[in-house]
Amino acid sequence: MSQAEPTTTTCNCRAPDTSATSTSSSGEPRGMRKNNCVVCGADLVYRTRATQPLPQARDGGCGARVNDHDEATGGGARCVVCGGVFDDVMVTCGRGHFVCDSCHSADAVHAILAVCAESDTSDPLSLAYSLLEFPSVCMHGPEHHFLVPAVLITAYHNTLGSPREKKLADLKAAKQRSSEVPGGWCGFCGCCGGAVGVGIFLSVVQNATPMSTSEWACSNQGTGVALGSLSSIGGPRCCARATFNGVIVGQHFAAAKLGVTFTKPNNIVCNVFKNNKQCLGVKCPFHPRGSPESRSGYTQNLQASCGLVNLLW
């Protein structure tokens, strides 16, 4: 997604306040929502082509059109937080609000980095549970592309007893790389950012480059296995499901390929399913009431993909 120059003035009356005092007593940014549109809470609208028209609804606060844009931008939309106009926009809410990836995940990414840098846990799943409930981490969004490698890198270095500086350097590298993975890639490109997060983890801790041999293979295999196991569950997208799957696969690869064994989870049950309006319910292996069929099918897929045994349920 490339950024074009702003061309018109649009309504910002419902945009989140990004000033230094824009947090509630619970620490959640005022006006930001964890599910659907972070501005108004309306359902998201996904376009299959960037040339399709954007929603042109009027804002309920002042009556202005919230997504006026110059046709010369090729379907550009103005981010209601930073004011930048972006072309090739594929997702807005039904009322026309658009928030760019950087603004959508900025507070969450900062929180993930800060928490992981100070954490001493060797259990990436427990750390993921905590971060998923963090006020600034939305139910869905590109912040999850960083969350997966962040908790795996944290557990990896804490298990090894690495210096904090080394862990922090790897976390920052993962943060930069994950920022290049756009939101919505799971559906638009067939490549979930949470699965890519497994590859980022394996690449960063092994110092892999495009010219590496076994490290290159390991990183790509990690992403591939994560994609395969996640796709076996089916859609629509769920970033929590992608996070749990990524942590499971990353934990296996750490043990099998890197010789580093993390704290083993006793059970894996989603703690944020109520925030997902498109939750698969019993069809999801991570749902509290997940069916035996969904769990056995997922486990069998993992076993076939990477020999993962005795880790789940």
C-alpha atoms as a PDB file:
ATOM      1  CA  MET A   1       0.000   0.000   0.000  1.00  0.00           C
ATOM      2  CA  SER A   2       1.544   3.289  -1.024  1.00  0.00           C
ATOM      3  CA  GLN A   3       0.772   6.673   0.439  1.00  0.00           C
ATOM      4  CA  ALA A   4      -0.446   9.565  -1.700  1.00  0.00           C
ATOM      5  CA  GLU A   5      -0.572  13.245  -0.837  1.00  0.00           C
ATOM      6  CA  PRO A   6      -3.743  14.360   1.004  1.00  0.00           C
ATOM      7  CA  THR A   7      -6.074  16.140  -1.392  1.00  0.00           C
ATOM      8  CA  THR A   8      -9.224  17.040   0.538  1.00  0.00           C
ATOM      9  CA  THR A   9     -10.346  17.812   4.046  1.00  0.00           C
ATOM     10  CA  THR A  10     -12.374  15.081   5.719  1.00  0.00           C
ATOM     11  CA  CYS A  11     -14.217  14.703   8.979  1.00  0.00           C
ATOM     12  CA  ASN A  12     -12.064  13.721  11.962  1.00  0.00           C
ATOM     13  CA  CYS A  13     -14.691  14.266  14.646  1.00  0.00           C
ATOM     14  CA  ARG A  14     -14.834  10.574  15.518  1.00  0.00           C
ATOM     15  CA  ALA A  15     -11.118   9.860  15.222  1.00  0.00           C
ATOM     16  CA  PRO A  16      -9.360   8.617  18.374  1.00  0.00           C
ATOM     17  CA  ASP A  17      -7.633  11.318  20.395  1.00  0.00           C
ATOM     18  CA  THR A  18      -3.922  10.608  20.015  1.00  0.00           C
ATOM     19  CA  SER A  19      -2.735  13.217  22.491  1.00  0.00           C
ATOM     20  CA  ALA A  20      -0.684  12.341  25.557  1.00  0.00           C
ATOM     21  CA  THR A  21      -3.827  12.349  27.724  1.00  0.00           C
ATOM     22  CA  SER A  22      -5.918  10.177  25.440  1.00  0.00           C
ATOM     23  CA  THR A  23      -6.148   7.117  27.688  1.00  0.00           C
ATOM     24  CA  SER A  24      -8.854   6.011  30.062  1.00  0.00           C
ATOM     25  CA  SER A  25      -8.280   4.972  33.655  1.00  0.00           C
ATOM     26  CA  SER A  26      -7.831   1.383  32.434  1.00  0.00           C
ATOM     27  CA  GLY A  27      -5.091   2.428  30.030  1.00  0.00           C
ATOM     28  CA  GLU A  28      -7.181   1.918  26.897  1.00  0.00           C
ATOM     29  CA  PRO A  29      -6.948   4.655  24.237  1.00  0.00           C
ATOM     30  CA  ARG A  30     -10.146   6.690  24.313  1.00  0.00           C
ATOM     31  CA  GLY A  31     -12.356   6.039  21.314  1.00  0.00           C
ATOM     32  CA  MET A  32     -10.443   2.908  20.252  1.00  0.00           C
ATOM     33  CA  ARG A  33     -12.331  -0.379  20.136  1.00  0.00           C
ATOM     34  CA  LYS A  34     -10.907  -3.907  20.288  1.00  0.00           C
ATOM     35  CA  ASN A  35     -13.244  -5.333  17.633  1.00  0.00           C
ATOM     36  CA  ASN A  36     -14.474  -4.243  14.194  1.00  0.00           C
ATOM     37  CA  CYS A  37     -13.864  -0.568  13.341  1.00  0.00           C
ATOM     38  CA  VAL A  38     -11.576   0.893  16.008  1.00  0.00           C
ATOM     39  CA  VAL A  39     -13.263   4.275  15.524  1.00  0.00           C
ATOM     40  CA  CYS A  40     -17.007   3.552  15.557  1.00  0.00           C
ATOM     41  CA  GLY A  41     -17.346  -0.209  16.114  1.00  0.00           C
ATOM     42  CA  ALA A  42     -19.139  -0.813  12.795  1.00  0.00           C
ATOM     43  CA  ASP A  43     -18.551  -4.019  10.835  1.00  0.00           C
ATOM     44  CA  LEU A  44     -15.594  -3.990   8.448  1.00  0.00           C
ATOM     45  CA  VAL A  45     -16.092  -4.029   4.678  1.00  0.00           C
ATOM     46  CA  TYR A  46     -13.524  -5.907   2.597  1.00  0.00           C
ATOM     47  CA  ARG A  47     -13.142  -5.066  -1.085  1.00  0.00           C
ATOM     48  CA  THR A  48     -11.888  -7.769  -3.443  1.00  0.00           C
ATOM     49  CA  ARG A  49     -10.406  -5.161  -5.788  1.00  0.00           C
ATOM     50  CA  ALA A  50      -8.885  -1.777  -4.965  1.00  0.00           C
ATOM     51  CA  THR A  51     -10.829  -0.301  -7.893  1.00  0.00           C
ATOM     52  CA  GLN A  52     -14.171  -0.940  -6.198  1.00  0.00           C
ATOM     53  CA  PRO A  53     -15.762   2.194  -4.682  1.00  0.00           C
ATOM     54  CA  LEU A  54     -15.197   2.922  -1.023  1.00  0.00           C
ATOM     55  CA  PRO A  55     -18.173   3.305   1.340  1.00  0.00           C
ATOM     56  CA  GLN A  56     -19.318   6.932   1.354  1.00  0.00           C
ATOM     57  CA  ALA A  57     -21.485   7.038   4.464  1.00  0.00           C
ATOM     58  CA  ARG A  58     -22.048  10.204   6.472  1.00  0.00           C
ATOM     59  CA  ASP A  59     -20.652  10.584   9.961  1.00  0.00           C
ATOM     60  CA  GLY A  60     -23.224  10.293  12.732  1.00  0.00           C
ATOM     61  CA  GLY A  61     -21.572  13.036  14.740  1.00  0.00           C
ATOM     62  CA  CYS A  62     -21.570  15.953  12.304  1.00  0.00           C
ATOM     63  CA  GLY A  63     -23.122  14.674   9.078  1.00  0.00           C
ATOM     64  CA  ALA A  64     -19.963  15.104   7.004  1.00  0.00           C
ATOM     65  CA  ARG A  65     -18.880  12.421   4.593  1.00  0.00           C
ATOM     66  CA  VAL A  66     -16.169  10.522   6.421  1.00  0.00           C
ATOM     67  CA  ASN A  67     -14.298   9.213   3.392  1.00  0.00           C
ATOM     68  CA  ASP A  68     -14.237  11.957   0.765  1.00  0.00           C
ATOM     69  CA  HIS A  69     -11.323  11.314  -1.540  1.00  0.00           C
ATOM     70  CA  ASP A  70      -9.937  12.466  -4.845  1.00  0.00           C
ATOM     71  CA  GLU A  71     -10.645  10.000  -7.661  1.00  0.00           C
ATOM     72  CA  ALA A  72      -7.143  10.780  -8.971  1.00  0.00           C
ATOM     73  CA  THR A  73      -5.661   8.866  -6.040  1.00  0.00           C
ATOM     74  CA  GLY A  74      -6.961   5.622  -7.540  1.00  0.00           C
ATOM     75  CA  GLY A  75      -9.425   4.879  -4.746  1.00  0.00           C
ATOM     76  CA  GLY A  76      -7.451   6.525  -1.959  1.00  0.00           C
ATOM     77  CA  ALA A  77      -8.814   6.834   1.557  1.00  0.00           C
ATOM     78  CA  ARG A  78      -7.787   9.169   4.362  1.00  0.00           C
ATOM     79  CA  CYS A  79      -6.642   7.647   7.664  1.00  0.00           C
ATOM     80  CA  VAL A  80      -8.807   9.241  10.355  1.00  0.00           C
ATOM     81  CA  VAL A  81      -5.898   9.166  12.833  1.00  0.00           C
ATOM     82  CA  CYS A  82      -2.849  10.534  10.976  1.00  0.00           C
ATOM     83  CA  GLY A  83      -4.685  12.202   8.070  1.00  0.00           C
ATOM     84  CA  GLY A  84      -2.597  10.518   5.377  1.00  0.00           C
ATOM     85  CA  VAL A  85      -4.308   9.476   2.164  1.00  0.00           C
ATOM     86  CA  PHE A  86      -3.550   5.928   1.006  1.00  0.00           C
ATOM     87  CA  ASP A  87      -4.290   4.296  -2.321  1.00  0.00           C
ATOM     88  CA  ASP A  88      -5.166   0.636  -2.954  1.00  0.00           C
ATOM     89  CA  VAL A  89      -7.146   0.537   0.298  1.00  0.00           C
ATOM     90  CA  MET A  90      -8.928  -2.813   0.672  1.00  0.00           C
ATOM     91  CA  VAL A  91     -10.597  -2.451   4.095  1.00  0.00           C
ATOM     92  CA  THR A  92     -12.774   0.223   5.692  1.00  0.00           C
ATOM     93  CA  CYS A  93     -15.769   0.017   7.956  1.00  0.00           C
ATOM     94  CA  GLY A  94     -19.277   0.247   6.581  1.00  0.00           C
ATOM     95  CA  ARG A  95     -19.411   3.930   7.512  1.00  0.00           C
ATOM     96  CA  GLY A  96     -16.244   4.683   5.563  1.00  0.00           C
ATOM     97  CA  HIS A  97     -13.701   5.006   8.389  1.00  0.00           C
ATOM     98  CA  PHE A  98     -10.189   3.943   7.427  1.00  0.00           C
ATOM     99  CA  VAL A  99      -7.239   3.545   9.818  1.00  0.00           C
ATOM    100  CA  CYS A 100      -3.843   2.756   8.270  1.00  0.00           C
ATOM    101  CA  ASP A 101      -1.800  -0.205   9.514  1.00  0.00           C
ATOM    102  CA  SER A 102       0.726   1.990  11.306  1.00  0.00           C
ATOM    103  CA  CYS A 103      -1.900   3.865  13.316  1.00  0.00           C
ATOM    104  CA  HIS A 104      -3.972   0.735  13.922  1.00  0.00           C
ATOM    105  CA  SER A 105      -1.120  -1.128  15.596  1.00  0.00           C
ATOM    106  CA  ALA A 106       1.140   1.629  16.969  1.00  0.00           C
ATOM    107  CA  ASP A 107       0.076   1.499  20.634  1.00  0.00           C
ATOM    108  CA  ALA A 108      -0.182  -2.293  20.610  1.00  0.00           C
ATOM    109  CA  VAL A 109       3.248  -2.834  19.072  1.00  0.00           C
ATOM    110  CA  HIS A 110       4.807  -0.495  21.623  1.00  0.00           C
ATOM    111  CA  ALA A 111       3.120  -2.415  24.443  1.00  0.00           C
ATOM    112  CA  ILE A 112       4.178  -5.808  23.057  1.00  0.00           C
ATOM    113  CA  LEU A 113       7.797  -4.685  22.774  1.00  0.00           C
ATOM    114  CA  ALA A 114       7.846  -3.197  26.271  1.00  0.00           C
ATOM    115  CA  VAL A 115       6.239  -6.221  27.946  1.00  0.00           C
ATOM    116  CA  CYS A 116       8.395  -8.784  26.160  1.00  0.00           C
ATOM    117  CA  ALA A 117      11.597  -6.856  26.841  1.00  0.00           C
ATOM    118  CA  GLU A 118      10.947  -7.076  30.590  1.00  0.00           C
ATOM    119  CA  SER A 119       9.388 -10.537  30.743  1.00  0.00           C
ATOM    120  CA  ASP A 120      11.355 -13.442  32.237  1.00  0.00           C
ATOM    121  CA  THR A 121       8.926 -16.206  31.222  1.00  0.00           C
ATOM    122  CA  SER A 122       9.891 -19.214  29.141  1.00  0.00           C
ATOM    123  CA  ASP A 123       6.245 -19.927  28.332  1.00  0.00           C
ATOM    124  CA  PRO A 124       5.304 -18.113  25.107  1.00  0.00           C
ATOM    125  CA  LEU A 125       1.658 -19.124  25.346  1.00  0.00           C
ATOM    126  CA  SER A 126       1.098 -17.552  28.767  1.00  0.00           C
ATOM    127  CA  LEU A 127       2.748 -14.394  27.485  1.00  0.00           C
ATOM    128  CA  ALA A 128       0.499 -14.425  24.406  1.00  0.00           C
ATOM    129  CA  TYR A 129      -2.562 -14.821  26.663  1.00  0.00           C
ATOM    130  CA  SER A 130      -1.579 -11.720  28.612  1.00  0.00           C
ATOM    131  CA  LEU A 131      -0.896  -9.635  25.525  1.00  0.00           C
ATOM    132  CA  LEU A 132      -4.161 -10.635  23.828  1.00  0.00           C
ATOM    133  CA  GLU A 133      -6.009  -9.100  26.790  1.00  0.00           C
ATOM    134  CA  PHE A 134      -3.940  -5.916  26.706  1.00  0.00           C
ATOM    135  CA  PRO A 135      -6.258  -2.917  26.121  1.00  0.00           C
ATOM    136  CA  SER A 136      -4.426  -1.659  23.023  1.00  0.00           C
ATOM    137  CA  VAL A 137      -4.274  -5.055  21.277  1.00  0.00           C
ATOM    138  CA  CYS A 138      -7.298  -5.351  19.016  1.00  0.00           C
ATOM    139  CA  MET A 139      -9.081  -8.607  18.288  1.00  0.00           C
ATOM    140  CA  HIS A 140      -7.859  -8.428  14.698  1.00  0.00           C
ATOM    141  CA  GLY A 141      -5.021  -6.380  13.259  1.00  0.00           C
ATOM    142  CA  PRO A 142      -1.408  -6.293  12.074  1.00  0.00           C
ATOM    143  CA  GLU A 143      -0.126  -6.060  15.644  1.00  0.00           C
ATOM    144  CA  HIS A 144      -0.567  -9.843  15.790  1.00  0.00           C
ATOM    145  CA  HIS A 145       2.100 -10.194  13.098  1.00  0.00           C
ATOM    146  CA  PHE A 146       4.566  -8.928  15.712  1.00  0.00           C
ATOM    147  CA  LEU A 147       2.966 -10.600  18.721  1.00  0.00           C
ATOM    148  CA  VAL A 148       3.764 -14.126  17.485  1.00  0.00           C
ATOM    149  CA  PRO A 149       7.516 -13.692  16.919  1.00  0.00           C
ATOM    150  CA  ALA A 150       7.789 -11.436  19.978  1.00  0.00           C
ATOM    151  CA  VAL A 151       6.560 -14.050  22.473  1.00  0.00           C
ATOM    152  CA  LEU A 152       8.619 -16.786  20.805  1.00  0.00           C
ATOM    153  CA  ILE A 153      11.796 -14.678  20.805  1.00  0.00           C
ATOM    154  CA  THR A 154      11.177 -13.771  24.451  1.00  0.00           C
ATOM    155  CA  ALA A 155      10.768 -17.404  25.526  1.00  0.00           C
ATOM    156  CA  TYR A 156      13.780 -18.427  23.424  1.00  0.00           C
ATOM    157  CA  HIS A 157      16.195 -15.955  24.995  1.00  0.00           C
ATOM    158  CA  ASN A 158      14.780 -16.372  28.504  1.00  0.00           C
ATOM    159  CA  THR A 159      15.239 -20.143  28.235  1.00  0.00           C
ATOM    160  CA  LEU A 160      18.839 -19.684  27.096  1.00  0.00           C
ATOM    161  CA  GLY A 161      19.533 -16.980  29.672  1.00  0.00           C
ATOM    162  CA  SER A 162      20.617 -14.551  26.973  1.00  0.00           C
ATOM    163  CA  PRO A 163      21.625 -10.995  27.905  1.00  0.00           C
ATOM    164  CA  ARG A 164      18.702  -8.574  27.868  1.00  0.00           C
ATOM    165  CA  GLU A 165      20.428  -6.541  25.171  1.00  0.00           C
ATOM    166  CA  LYS A 166      20.446  -9.530  22.820  1.00  0.00           C
ATOM    167  CA  LYS A 167      16.767 -10.245  23.423  1.00  0.00           C
ATOM    168  CA  LEU A 168      15.869  -6.598  22.889  1.00  0.00           C
ATOM    169  CA  ALA A 169      17.858  -6.426  19.657  1.00  0.00           C
ATOM    170  CA  ASP A 170      16.055  -9.482  18.286  1.00  0.00           C
ATOM    171  CA  LEU A 171      12.686  -8.104  19.369  1.00  0.00           C
ATOM    172  CA  LYS A 172      13.379  -4.859  17.537  1.00  0.00           C
ATOM    173  CA  ALA A 173      14.435  -6.772  14.430  1.00  0.00           C
ATOM    174  CA  ALA A 174      11.191  -8.763  14.531  1.00  0.00           C
ATOM    175  CA  LYS A 175       9.215  -5.571  15.056  1.00  0.00           C
ATOM    176  CA  GLN A 176      10.725  -4.007  11.946  1.00  0.00           C
ATOM    177  CA  ARG A 177      10.227  -7.105   9.790  1.00  0.00           C
ATOM    178  CA  SER A 178       6.642  -7.741  10.919  1.00  0.00           C
ATOM    179  CA  SER A 179       5.740  -4.138  10.134  1.00  0.00           C
ATOM    180  CA  GLU A 180       6.274  -4.993   6.467  1.00  0.00           C
ATOM    181  CA  VAL A 181       3.448  -7.569   6.562  1.00  0.00           C
ATOM    182  CA  PRO A 182       0.176  -5.731   5.790  1.00  0.00           C
ATOM    183  CA  GLY A 183      -3.101  -6.383   7.517  1.00  0.00           C
ATOM    184  CA  GLY A 184      -5.456  -8.679   5.629  1.00  0.00           C
ATOM    185  CA  TRP A 185      -2.737 -10.673   3.872  1.00  0.00           C
ATOM    186  CA  CYS A 186      -4.374 -13.885   5.057  1.00  0.00           C
ATOM    187  CA  GLY A 187      -7.340 -13.333   2.781  1.00  0.00           C
ATOM    188  CA  PHE A 188      -5.864 -11.144   0.060  1.00  0.00           C
ATOM    189  CA  CYS A 189      -2.620 -13.061  -0.486  1.00  0.00           C
ATOM    190  CA  GLY A 190      -3.190 -16.437   1.159  1.00  0.00           C
ATOM    191  CA  CYS A 191      -0.413 -15.835   3.675  1.00  0.00           C
ATOM    192  CA  CYS A 192      -1.401 -15.190   7.300  1.00  0.00           C
ATOM    193  CA  GLY A 193       0.840 -12.682   9.080  1.00  0.00           C
ATOM    194  CA  GLY A 194       0.747 -14.795  12.241  1.00  0.00           C
ATOM    195  CA  ALA A 195       2.225 -17.709  10.308  1.00  0.00           C
ATOM    196  CA  VAL A 196       4.836 -15.413   8.804  1.00  0.00           C
ATOM    197  CA  GLY A 197       5.624 -14.466  12.400  1.00  0.00           C
ATOM    198  CA  VAL A 198       6.885 -18.018  12.970  1.00  0.00           C
ATOM    199  CA  GLY A 199       9.289 -17.602  10.057  1.00  0.00           C
ATOM    200  CA  ILE A 200      10.367 -14.213  11.388  1.00  0.00           C
ATOM    201  CA  PHE A 201      11.160 -15.768  14.767  1.00  0.00           C
ATOM    202  CA  LEU A 202      13.211 -18.579  13.228  1.00  0.00           C
ATOM    203  CA  SER A 203      14.997 -16.196  10.871  1.00  0.00           C
ATOM    204  CA  VAL A 204      15.891 -13.622  13.528  1.00  0.00           C
ATOM    205  CA  VAL A 205      17.270 -16.013  16.145  1.00  0.00           C
ATOM    206  CA  GLN A 206      19.294 -17.900  13.516  1.00  0.00           C
ATOM    207  CA  ASN A 207      20.544 -14.735  11.785  1.00  0.00           C
ATOM    208  CA  ALA A 208      19.170 -16.072   8.504  1.00  0.00           C
ATOM    209  CA  THR A 209      19.543 -14.183   5.231  1.00  0.00           C
ATOM    210  CA  PRO A 210      18.437 -14.947   1.653  1.00  0.00           C
ATOM    211  CA  MET A 211      21.875 -16.568   1.202  1.00  0.00           C
ATOM    212  CA  SER A 212      21.595 -18.873   4.216  1.00  0.00           C
ATOM    213  CA  THR A 213      21.209 -22.622   3.715  1.00  0.00           C
ATOM    214  CA  SER A 214      19.720 -24.633   6.604  1.00  0.00           C
ATOM    215  CA  GLU A 215      18.550 -21.462   8.399  1.00  0.00           C
ATOM    216  CA  TRP A 216      16.738 -20.337   5.226  1.00  0.00           C
ATOM    217  CA  ALA A 217      15.069 -23.729   4.939  1.00  0.00           C
ATOM    218  CA  CYS A 218      14.063 -23.795   8.602  1.00  0.00           C
ATOM    219  CA  SER A 219      12.472 -20.324   8.493  1.00  0.00           C
ATOM    220  CA  ASN A 220      10.443 -21.083   5.379  1.00  0.00           C
ATOM    221  CA  GLN A 221       9.405 -24.469   6.688  1.00  0.00           C
ATOM    222  CA  GLY A 222       8.172 -22.884   9.898  1.00  0.00           C
ATOM    223  CA  THR A 223       5.965 -20.466   7.989  1.00  0.00           C
ATOM    224  CA  GLY A 224       4.749 -23.264   5.716  1.00  0.00           C
ATOM    225  CA  VAL A 225       3.778 -25.591   8.560  1.00  0.00           C
ATOM    226  CA  ALA A 226       2.011 -22.756  10.371  1.00  0.00           C
ATOM    227  CA  LEU A 227       0.045 -21.908   7.230  1.00  0.00           C
ATOM    228  CA  GLY A 228      -0.898 -25.534   6.658  1.00  0.00           C
ATOM    229  CA  SER A 229      -2.110 -26.180  10.188  1.00  0.00           C
ATOM    230  CA  LEU A 230      -4.022 -22.895  10.327  1.00  0.00           C
ATOM    231  CA  SER A 231      -5.706 -23.424   6.962  1.00  0.00           C
ATOM    232  CA  SER A 232      -6.900 -26.857   8.110  1.00  0.00           C
ATOM    233  CA  ILE A 233      -9.243 -25.090  10.548  1.00  0.00           C
ATOM    234  CA  GLY A 234     -10.802 -22.850   7.909  1.00  0.00           C
ATOM    235  CA  GLY A 235     -11.954 -19.240   7.835  1.00  0.00           C
ATOM    236  CA  PRO A 236     -13.003 -16.565   8.340  1.00  0.00           C
ATOM    237  CA  ARG A 237      -9.900 -14.998   9.826  1.00  0.00           C
ATOM    238  CA  CYS A 238      -9.221 -14.894  13.546  1.00  0.00           C
ATOM    239  CA  CYS A 239      -5.985 -13.309  14.747  1.00  0.00           C
ATOM    240  CA  ALA A 240      -6.196 -15.045  18.131  1.00  0.00           C
ATOM    241  CA  ARG A 241      -6.476 -18.424  16.399  1.00  0.00           C
ATOM    242  CA  ALA A 242      -3.505 -17.505  14.219  1.00  0.00           C
ATOM    243  CA  THR A 243      -1.545 -16.473  17.314  1.00  0.00           C
ATOM    244  CA  PHE A 244      -2.176 -19.732  19.183  1.00  0.00           C
ATOM    245  CA  ASN A 245      -1.318 -21.747  16.078  1.00  0.00           C
ATOM    246  CA  GLY A 246       1.868 -19.748  15.508  1.00  0.00           C
ATOM    247  CA  VAL A 247       3.029 -20.218  19.089  1.00  0.00           C
ATOM    248  CA  ILE A 248       2.395 -23.978  18.897  1.00  0.00           C
ATOM    249  CA  VAL A 249       4.330 -24.386  15.649  1.00  0.00           C
ATOM    250  CA  GLY A 250       7.108 -22.026  16.754  1.00  0.00           C
ATOM    251  CA  GLN A 251       7.490 -23.906  20.023  1.00  0.00           C
ATOM    252  CA  HIS A 252       7.863 -27.186  18.138  1.00  0.00           C
ATOM    253  CA  PHE A 253      10.466 -25.778  15.765  1.00  0.00           C
ATOM    254  CA  ALA A 254      12.446 -24.291  18.646  1.00  0.00           C
ATOM    255  CA  ALA A 255      12.717 -27.748  20.193  1.00  0.00           C
ATOM    256  CA  ALA A 256      13.129 -29.823  17.030  1.00  0.00           C
ATOM    257  CA  LYS A 257      15.397 -27.513  15.011  1.00  0.00           C
ATOM    258  CA  LEU A 258      17.096 -25.262  17.563  1.00  0.00           C
ATOM    259  CA  GLY A 259      17.316 -27.600  20.542  1.00  0.00           C
ATOM    260  CA  VAL A 260      15.576 -25.132  22.839  1.00  0.00           C
ATOM    261  CA  THR A 261      12.575 -26.434  24.818  1.00  0.00           C
ATOM    262  CA  PHE A 262      10.108 -23.914  26.205  1.00  0.00           C
ATOM    263  CA  THR A 263       7.708 -24.401  29.103  1.00  0.00           C
ATOM    264  CA  LYS A 264       5.030 -26.796  27.877  1.00  0.00           C
ATOM    265  CA  PRO A 265       1.422 -25.546  28.005  1.00  0.00           C
ATOM    266  CA  ASN A 266      -1.074 -27.791  29.783  1.00  0.00           C
ATOM    267  CA  ASN A 267      -4.016 -26.718  27.668  1.00  0.00           C
ATOM    268  CA  ILE A 268      -4.723 -24.190  24.960  1.00  0.00           C
ATOM    269  CA  VAL A 269      -8.055 -22.433  25.325  1.00  0.00           C
ATOM    270  CA  CYS A 270      -8.926 -19.088  23.733  1.00  0.00           C
ATOM    271  CA  ASN A 271      -9.404 -16.290  26.251  1.00  0.00           C
ATOM    272  CA  VAL A 272     -10.769 -13.643  23.853  1.00  0.00           C
ATOM    273  CA  PHE A 273     -13.337 -15.537  21.758  1.00  0.00           C
ATOM    274  CA  LYS A 274     -16.164 -13.325  23.029  1.00  0.00           C
ATOM    275  CA  ASN A 275     -14.566 -10.373  21.230  1.00  0.00           C
ATOM    276  CA  ASN A 276     -14.777 -12.083  17.831  1.00  0.00           C
ATOM    277  CA  LYS A 277     -18.116 -11.658  16.087  1.00  0.00           C
ATOM    278  CA  GLN A 278     -17.066 -14.245  13.490  1.00  0.00           C
ATOM    279  CA  CYS A 279     -15.851 -16.831  16.011  1.00  0.00           C
ATOM    280  CA  LEU A 280     -16.143 -20.385  14.699  1.00  0.00           C
ATOM    281  CA  GLY A 281     -17.319 -21.568  18.102  1.00  0.00           C
ATOM    282  CA  VAL A 282     -17.131 -25.335  18.589  1.00  0.00           C
ATOM    283  CA  LYS A 283     -15.535 -25.688  15.135  1.00  0.00           C
ATOM    284  CA  CYS A 284     -12.390 -23.984  16.446  1.00  0.00           C
ATOM    285  CA  PRO A 285      -9.976 -26.274  18.331  1.00  0.00           C
ATOM    286  CA  PHE A 286      -9.062 -23.434  20.693  1.00  0.00           C
ATOM    287  CA  HIS A 287     -12.636 -22.535  21.707  1.00  0.00           C
ATOM    288  CA  PRO A 288     -13.492 -23.498  25.316  1.00  0.00           C
ATOM    289  CA  ARG A 289     -16.225 -25.747  23.937  1.00  0.00           C
ATOM    290  CA  GLY A 290     -14.260 -26.884  20.898  1.00  0.00           C
ATOM    291  CA  SER A 291     -15.539 -30.191  19.598  1.00  0.00           C
ATOM    292  CA  PRO A 292     -13.418 -33.340  19.850  1.00  0.00           C
ATOM    293  CA  GLU A 293     -13.532 -33.519  16.045  1.00  0.00           C
ATOM    294  CA  SER A 294     -12.075 -30.033  15.617  1.00  0.00           C
ATOM    295  CA  ARG A 295      -9.287 -30.700  18.110  1.00  0.00           C
ATOM    296  CA  SER A 296      -8.376 -34.145  16.819  1.00  0.00           C
ATOM    297  CA  GLY A 297      -8.407 -32.912  13.220  1.00  0.00           C
ATOM    298  CA  TYR A 298      -6.101 -30.020  14.048  1.00  0.00           C
ATOM    299  CA  THR A 299      -3.778 -32.218  16.093  1.00  0.00           C
ATOM    300  CA  GLN A 300      -3.603 -34.847  13.358  1.00  0.00           C
ATOM    301  CA  ASN A 301      -2.693 -32.161  10.839  1.00  0.00           C
ATOM    302  CA  LEU A 302       0.135 -30.944  13.071  1.00  0.00           C
ATOM    303  CA  GLN A 303       1.391 -34.462  13.599  1.00  0.00           C
ATOM    304  CA  ALA A 304       1.403 -35.097   9.869  1.00  0.00           C
ATOM    305  CA  SER A 305       3.136 -31.768   9.161  1.00  0.00           C
ATOM    306  CA  CYS A 306       5.881 -31.796  11.757  1.00  0.00           C
ATOM    307  CA  GLY A 307       5.533 -34.817  14.021  1.00  0.00           C
ATOM    308  CA  LEU A 308       4.101 -32.728  16.852  1.00  0.00           C
ATOM    309  CA  VAL A 309       2.849 -35.011  19.616  1.00  0.00           C
ATOM    310  CA  ASN A 310       1.804 -34.817  23.260  1.00  0.00           C
ATOM    311  CA  LEU A 311       1.424 -31.056  23.248  1.00  0.00           C
ATOM    312  CA  LEU A 312      -2.317 -30.561  22.906  1.00  0.00           C
ATOM    313  CA  TRP A 313      -5.381 -31.598  24.896  1.00  0.00           C
END
